[in-house]
């Protein structure tokens, strides 16, 4: 089953470095931060309307999964960052949501 077909689970466990490396390959464009505690990607659009349409679609996914990213929005870009605060790092939920956002 691909990541985009999976669903987030409540209180997911923090991933070990090997698990992070394996899942990072499945979310093209996402990068690991220097502390290995978040993944992020900058999505680019042609104008503000497209950017906000993307943000609205992303918000729907985030609410379905009950897993909400940090967003930095500007005119034609949106930086999406996933981490799991209760786990103090990355869980499979972060990668599931990143894959579902990539599928947009």
Protein backbone atom coordinates (compact mmCIF):
# COMPACT_ATOMS: atom_id res chain seq x y z
CA UNK A 1 0.00 0.00 0.00
CA UNK A 2 1.39 3.41 -0.94
CA UNK A 3 1.73 6.15 1.65
CA UNK A 4 -1.01 8.23 0.01
CA UNK A 5 -3.45 5.33 0.53
CA UNK A 6 -2.68 4.97 4.24
CA UNK A 7 -4.36 6.91 7.05
CA UNK A 8 -2.76 8.63 10.01
CA UNK A 9 -3.01 6.95 13.39
CA UNK A 10 -3.41 8.51 16.81
CA UNK A 11 -0.22 8.72 18.87
CA UNK A 12 2.09 7.34 16.20
CA UNK A 13 5.57 6.38 17.38
CA UNK A 14 8.66 8.42 16.55
CA UNK A 15 10.64 6.99 13.64
CA UNK A 16 14.26 5.88 13.87
CA UNK A 17 16.74 7.39 11.33
CA UNK A 18 16.55 4.31 9.07
CA UNK A 19 12.76 4.57 8.92
CA UNK A 20 12.97 8.27 8.09
CA UNK A 21 15.44 7.62 5.27
CA UNK A 22 13.24 4.88 3.79
CA UNK A 23 10.08 6.99 3.84
CA UNK A 24 11.77 10.17 2.59
CA UNK A 25 12.30 8.44 -0.76
CA UNK A 26 8.53 8.11 -1.08
CA UNK A 27 7.78 11.86 -0.86
CA UNK A 28 9.59 13.54 -3.78
CA UNK A 29 10.69 17.09 -3.12
CA UNK A 30 10.51 16.91 0.66
CA UNK A 31 13.70 17.59 2.58
CA UNK A 32 14.72 16.64 6.08
CA UNK A 33 15.65 19.47 8.44
CA UNK A 34 19.03 19.56 10.12
CA UNK A 35 17.66 18.15 13.39
CA UNK A 36 15.83 15.27 11.68
CA UNK A 37 12.63 16.48 13.34
CA UNK A 38 10.68 17.83 10.34
CA UNK A 39 10.26 17.46 6.60
CA UNK A 40 9.37 20.35 4.33
CA UNK A 41 8.76 21.25 0.71
CA UNK A 42 8.14 24.49 -1.14
CA UNK A 43 5.28 24.29 -3.64
CA UNK A 44 5.28 26.91 -6.41
CA UNK A 45 2.27 28.32 -8.26
CA UNK A 46 1.56 30.85 -10.99
CA UNK A 47 -0.42 33.27 -8.83
CA UNK A 48 -2.01 33.91 -5.44
CA UNK A 49 -5.33 32.30 -6.39
CA UNK A 50 -3.63 28.97 -7.20
CA UNK A 51 -1.61 29.17 -3.98
CA UNK A 52 -4.73 29.66 -1.86
CA UNK A 53 -6.63 26.92 -3.73
CA UNK A 54 -3.74 24.58 -2.85
CA UNK A 55 -3.82 25.69 0.80
CA UNK A 56 -7.57 25.04 0.97
CA UNK A 57 -7.15 21.54 -0.49
CA UNK A 58 -4.27 20.90 1.92
CA UNK A 59 -6.44 22.05 4.83
CA UNK A 60 -9.07 19.48 3.87
CA UNK A 61 -6.46 16.70 3.90
CA UNK A 62 -4.98 17.90 7.20
CA UNK A 63 -8.40 17.89 8.86
CA UNK A 64 -9.22 14.42 7.49
CA UNK A 65 -5.96 13.10 8.89
CA UNK A 66 -6.09 15.19 12.08
CA UNK A 67 -2.46 16.02 11.36
CA UNK A 68 -1.74 19.67 10.64
CA UNK A 69 1.42 21.08 9.02
CA UNK A 70 3.09 24.42 9.51
CA UNK A 71 2.58 26.64 6.46
CA UNK A 72 4.45 29.68 5.16
CA UNK A 73 2.34 31.27 2.42
CA UNK A 74 3.32 33.99 -0.02
CA UNK A 75 2.00 35.18 -3.39
CA UNK A 76 3.07 32.17 -5.46
CA UNK A 77 4.60 29.73 -2.97
CA UNK A 78 3.61 27.67 0.03
CA UNK A 79 6.19 26.02 2.24
CA UNK A 80 4.72 22.98 3.96
CA UNK A 81 6.46 21.50 7.02
CA UNK A 82 5.38 18.32 8.77
CA UNK A 83 6.47 17.07 12.19
CA UNK A 84 4.75 15.33 15.07
CA UNK A 85 4.92 17.49 18.17
CA UNK A 86 3.84 14.84 20.70
CA UNK A 87 6.57 12.49 19.38
CA UNK A 88 9.16 15.29 19.30
CA UNK A 89 10.17 14.28 15.78
CA UNK A 90 8.88 12.46 12.74
CA UNK A 91 6.29 9.70 12.56
CA UNK A 92 4.80 7.82 9.66
CA UNK A 93 1.86 10.27 9.88
CA UNK A 94 4.12 13.05 8.59
CA UNK A 95 5.04 11.03 5.53
CA UNK A 96 1.45 9.91 4.91
CA UNK A 97 0.30 13.52 4.88
CA UNK A 98 3.23 14.66 2.73
CA UNK A 99 2.39 11.94 0.20
CA UNK A 100 -1.27 12.94 0.15
CA UNK A 101 -0.34 16.61 -0.35
CA UNK A 102 2.05 15.65 -3.16
CA UNK A 103 -0.86 13.83 -4.81
CA UNK A 104 -2.76 17.11 -5.08
